Protein backbone atom coordinates (compact mmCIF):
# COMPACT_ATOMS: atom_id res chain seq x y z
CA MET A 1 216.89 142.50 97.10
CA VAL A 2 216.15 139.74 100.06
CA ASP A 3 213.36 137.51 99.15
CA SER A 4 210.70 137.63 101.95
CA PRO A 5 209.88 134.65 104.33
CA PHE A 6 206.71 133.55 102.09
CA ASP A 7 209.19 134.00 98.88
CA VAL A 8 211.22 131.32 100.44
CA LEU A 9 208.64 128.82 102.01
CA LYS A 10 207.17 129.05 97.98
CA ALA A 11 210.28 127.99 96.79
CA ASN A 12 210.87 125.15 99.10
CA VAL A 13 207.53 123.59 98.55
CA ARG A 14 208.15 123.81 95.10
CA ALA A 15 211.72 122.08 95.01
CA ALA A 16 210.63 119.45 97.65
CA ARG A 17 207.68 118.68 95.15
CA LYS A 18 210.09 118.34 92.47
CA SER A 19 212.22 115.97 94.02
CA ASP A 20 209.81 113.59 95.64
CA ALA A 21 206.78 114.03 93.25
CA ALA A 22 204.96 110.61 94.66
CA GLU A 23 205.51 111.69 98.65
CA PHE A 24 202.71 114.81 98.01
CA SER A 25 201.25 113.29 94.08
CA GLN A 26 197.59 113.29 96.74
CA ILE A 27 197.78 117.01 97.33
CA SER A 28 197.75 120.39 94.87
CA TYR A 29 200.36 122.82 95.04
CA ASN A 30 197.87 125.59 96.82
CA THR A 31 196.87 122.87 99.48
CA HIS A 32 200.49 121.42 100.34
CA LEU A 33 201.23 125.49 100.99
CA GLU A 34 198.27 125.96 102.82
CA LEU A 35 199.36 123.22 104.76
CA ALA A 36 202.51 124.06 105.00
CA VAL A 37 202.14 127.73 106.33
CA ARG A 38 200.09 126.64 109.24
CA LEU A 39 202.35 123.89 110.55
CA VAL A 40 205.31 126.79 110.42
CA THR A 41 203.69 129.86 111.05
CA GLU A 42 200.88 128.93 112.77
CA ALA A 43 198.72 131.25 110.91
CA PRO A 44 194.88 130.23 110.44
CA SER A 45 195.23 129.78 106.74
CA LEU A 46 197.37 131.34 104.01
CA ASN A 47 195.60 134.16 103.71
CA HIS A 48 195.84 135.27 107.10
CA TYR A 49 200.16 134.78 106.72
CA ALA A 50 200.41 136.27 103.32
CA ALA A 51 198.35 139.52 104.75
CA GLN A 52 199.92 139.82 108.04
CA MET A 53 203.36 138.05 107.39
CA ASP A 54 204.92 139.95 110.64
CA THR A 55 202.03 138.45 112.72
CA TYR A 56 202.78 134.67 112.18
CA PRO A 57 206.79 134.09 112.20
CA TRP A 58 208.37 130.49 111.31
CA ARG A 59 208.97 128.71 114.31
CA GLU A 60 211.08 126.17 114.80
CA ILE A 61 210.24 122.49 114.88
CA PRO A 62 208.71 122.59 118.41
CA ASP A 63 208.23 120.15 121.67
CA LEU A 64 206.90 116.44 120.31
CA GLY A 65 203.47 117.54 121.92
CA GLU A 66 203.42 120.26 120.34
CA ILE A 67 203.75 118.63 116.72
CA LEU A 68 201.38 115.91 117.43
CA ALA A 69 198.83 118.93 118.22
CA SER A 70 199.36 121.01 115.36
CA PHE A 71 198.73 116.99 113.12
CA ARG A 72 195.38 116.89 115.07
CA ALA A 73 194.55 120.71 114.84
CA ILE A 74 194.75 120.22 110.92
CA GLU A 75 194.07 116.53 109.77
CA HIS A 76 191.25 116.80 108.66
CA LEU A 77 192.56 119.01 105.36
CA VAL A 78 194.13 115.93 104.19
CA GLY A 79 191.91 113.51 101.99
CA ARG A 80 191.48 110.08 103.24
CA PHE A 81 194.40 106.89 102.22
CA ASP A 82 193.62 103.55 101.02
CA ALA A 83 194.59 101.66 103.80
CA GLU A 84 195.51 98.75 101.42
CA GLY A 85 193.80 95.70 103.31
CA GLN A 86 195.30 97.04 106.57
CA PRO A 87 193.06 97.93 109.00
CA PRO A 88 190.91 101.19 107.78
CA GLU A 89 191.97 103.28 111.12
CA TYR A 90 195.33 103.14 109.77
CA GLU A 91 195.00 105.77 106.95
CA ARG A 92 195.77 108.14 109.85
CA TYR A 93 199.05 107.02 110.39
CA GLU A 94 199.70 107.97 106.53
CA ARG A 95 197.91 111.38 106.90
CA TRP A 96 200.72 112.09 109.96
CA GLN A 97 203.34 111.17 107.54
CA LEU A 98 201.92 113.35 104.75
CA LEU A 99 202.05 116.40 107.34
CA ALA A 100 205.71 115.47 108.33
CA ALA A 101 206.92 115.63 104.80
CA ILE A 102 205.20 118.59 103.97
CA TRP A 103 206.65 120.31 107.38
CA LEU A 104 210.20 118.99 106.76
CA SER A 105 209.55 120.49 103.20
CA ALA A 106 209.58 124.10 104.07
CA TYR A 107 213.08 123.89 105.99
CA PRO A 108 216.22 123.30 104.13
CA GLN A 109 217.10 119.46 103.92
CA LYS A 110 218.11 118.56 107.89
CA ILE A 111 220.61 115.85 106.91
CA ASP A 112 221.51 114.94 110.84
CA ALA A 113 218.19 112.49 110.66
CA ALA A 114 218.57 111.75 106.99
CA GLU A 115 218.56 107.80 108.02
CA ALA A 116 215.52 108.11 109.22
CA SER A 117 212.85 105.32 108.24
CA SER A 118 209.99 107.58 107.34
CA PRO A 119 209.34 112.05 107.78
CA PHE A 120 207.29 111.28 110.83
CA HIS A 121 210.19 109.63 112.33
CA GLU A 122 212.67 112.54 111.08
CA LEU A 123 210.85 115.39 111.78
CA LEU A 124 210.82 113.74 115.44
CA CYS A 125 214.13 113.67 115.48
CA HIS A 126 214.43 117.18 115.68
CA CYS A 127 211.19 118.22 117.80
CA ALA A 128 212.88 120.54 120.82
CA ASP A 129 212.35 117.87 124.01
CA LEU A 130 214.38 115.04 122.42
CA ASP A 131 217.36 115.67 124.60
CA GLY A 132 214.52 115.42 127.29
CA LEU A 133 213.82 111.49 126.00
CA ARG A 134 215.63 108.63 126.84
CA ILE A 135 216.90 107.74 123.65
CA PRO A 136 220.23 106.05 123.76
CA ARG A 137 223.19 107.55 122.12
CA MET A 138 224.84 105.79 119.49
CA LEU A 139 227.58 105.01 117.57
CA GLY A 140 228.83 105.89 113.76
CA GLN A 141 232.29 104.90 112.55
CA GLY A 142 233.82 104.99 115.62
CA GLU A 143 232.28 108.06 116.91
CA VAL A 144 229.11 109.02 119.00
CA LEU A 145 226.21 109.67 117.05
CA THR A 146 223.95 113.19 117.54
CA LEU A 147 221.54 112.72 119.96
CA ALA A 148 218.97 113.29 116.11
CA GLN A 149 220.79 110.43 114.30
CA SER A 150 220.66 108.68 117.49
CA ALA A 151 217.15 108.52 117.27
CA ALA A 152 217.23 108.33 113.42
CA GLN A 153 218.50 104.46 114.22
CA ALA A 154 215.91 103.31 115.91
CA PRO A 155 213.76 101.15 113.51
CA ASN A 156 210.68 103.41 113.09
CA GLU A 157 209.24 106.59 115.02
CA ALA A 158 207.65 104.42 117.95
CA TRP A 159 210.39 104.01 119.77
CA ILE A 160 210.58 108.22 119.88
CA LEU A 161 206.65 108.26 120.57
CA SER A 162 206.91 105.75 123.47
CA ALA A 163 209.64 107.41 124.57
CA TRP A 164 207.67 110.47 124.98
CA LEU A 165 204.60 108.71 126.19
CA PHE A 166 206.52 107.25 129.24
CA GLU A 167 208.19 110.88 129.92
CA LYS A 168 204.65 112.60 130.35
CA GLU A 169 203.19 109.60 131.96
CA GLY A 170 205.44 107.31 133.86
CA LEU A 171 204.68 103.33 133.53
CA CYS A 172 201.39 104.74 131.33
CA ILE A 173 198.60 103.05 134.06
CA GLU A 174 196.85 105.94 134.48
CA HIS A 175 197.41 106.82 131.02
CA TRP A 176 195.48 104.19 130.61
CA ASP A 177 192.76 104.83 132.54
CA HIS A 178 192.12 107.98 130.97
CA LEU A 179 192.10 106.37 127.87
CA GLN A 180 189.13 103.97 129.73
CA HIS A 181 187.17 106.58 131.27
CA ALA A 182 187.40 108.60 127.95
CA ALA A 183 185.41 105.55 126.21
CA GLU A 184 183.12 105.71 129.02
CA ARG A 185 182.39 109.67 129.00
CA PHE A 186 182.08 109.32 125.09
CA GLY A 187 179.42 106.89 126.43
CA TYR A 188 180.54 103.40 126.03
CA GLY A 189 179.83 100.61 127.78
CA GLU A 190 182.82 99.74 130.57
CA MET A 191 183.28 95.85 128.98
CA ALA A 192 183.84 97.85 125.63
CA ALA A 193 185.80 101.30 127.28
CA ALA A 194 188.20 98.29 129.24
CA HIS A 195 188.92 96.95 125.45
CA TYR A 196 189.63 99.39 124.00
CA ARG A 197 191.98 100.25 127.34
CA ALA A 198 193.33 96.59 126.60
CA ALA A 199 193.78 97.60 123.24
CA CYS A 200 195.95 101.07 124.00
CA ARG A 201 198.41 99.38 126.18
CA GLU A 202 199.14 96.56 123.73
CA SER A 203 199.83 98.65 120.77
CA VAL A 204 202.44 100.37 122.64
CA ASN A 205 203.58 97.20 125.40
CA HIS A 206 203.97 94.77 122.89
CA SER A 207 205.74 96.89 119.91
CA TRP A 208 202.84 96.60 117.56
CA ASP A 209 203.10 98.68 114.16
CA PRO A 210 202.77 102.87 114.89
CA ARG A 211 200.13 102.53 112.68
CA SER A 212 198.12 100.95 115.39
CA ALA A 213 198.74 103.38 118.60
CA ILE A 214 197.98 106.45 116.51
CA ALA A 215 194.99 104.77 115.06
CA LEU A 216 193.86 104.52 118.57
CA GLY A 217 194.47 107.58 119.48
CA VAL A 218 196.81 106.76 122.64
CA TYR A 219 198.79 109.53 121.36
CA ASP A 220 196.07 111.90 121.50
CA LEU A 221 197.08 114.17 125.07
CA PRO A 222 195.45 115.23 127.18
CA VAL A 223 192.85 112.70 126.63
CA ASP A 224 189.40 114.18 125.93
CA ARG A 225 188.67 112.65 122.88
CA PRO A 226 190.59 110.24 120.81
CA MET A 227 190.07 110.50 117.48
CA PHE A 228 189.34 107.00 117.65
CA PHE A 229 185.58 107.22 118.56
CA ARG A 230 182.47 107.51 116.57
CA ASP A 231 179.43 109.26 117.03
CA GLY A 232 176.77 107.18 117.23
CA GLU A 233 178.21 104.14 117.77
CA SER A 234 177.08 100.83 119.56
CA ASP A 235 179.48 99.08 121.94
CA GLU A 236 179.54 95.96 119.35
CA GLN A 237 180.79 98.61 116.58
CA LEU A 238 183.90 99.40 118.96
CA ARG A 239 184.49 96.03 119.75
CA SER A 240 184.50 94.94 116.14
CA ARG A 241 187.19 97.69 114.75
CA ILE A 242 189.44 97.37 117.55
CA ASP A 243 189.51 93.81 117.53
CA THR A 244 190.13 94.31 113.30
CA ILE A 245 193.29 95.98 115.01
CA TRP A 246 193.71 93.32 116.80
CA ARG A 247 193.53 90.65 114.57
CA TRP A 248 195.93 92.59 112.50
CA GLU A 249 199.40 92.51 114.99
CA GLU A 250 198.20 89.66 116.82
CA PRO A 251 196.44 86.81 114.58
CA GLU A 252 197.17 84.28 117.28
CA ALA A 253 195.17 85.99 119.95
CA PHE A 254 192.22 84.55 118.25
CA GLU A 255 193.11 81.05 117.40
CA ASP A 256 191.05 78.61 118.70
């Protein structure tokens, strides 16, 4: 008897939780399965999938933009993480890491990107449009590595994310403008919005920790309402949260 896709998914999730219990300690098995189903099949819920498996086939790991859109659609279902002394907004990065680990747990182990720095990094090494990004091919033991292996050699996922952003937005000048305009449409003042634009630009151009750009919403495309914005927040509160990140990444910028 051939196992159903649902049985295979459950077996893969159980195996992943057994082999790396610490990775998934924040979520229960049922939550893990729920999120895996939504990521892998795009079903609106586990119940929908279980009732209509033929309607929601498994998908291969999609384009990078689709990966991020899938994260944004369900990240609210993941509990908050302790930023452990870092800027509070950096916990969003930890949620994305967990979602990436959940996504990968649904598939048999992929060894091409085994040297990736994190689950998110590994997942991006398998995005469907990786060959369209400017990722340099590298050598390993005298042989040219696969594109996924080469991407895994990068220090972290920021290299892939920035290559994708530049592919989408060119030199990004217009992208920074779009982020500033989004802040103004949301209700922030001109100066606060300009400060937000500057922080977003610096987070990529100055190679800040990848947590910063994710927290600020740099990769929340298309630009509408980046997750960094908060209802009812004053300009001063926005600037304070931005400066907390900026000070963490470039403390010398705040020296007298």
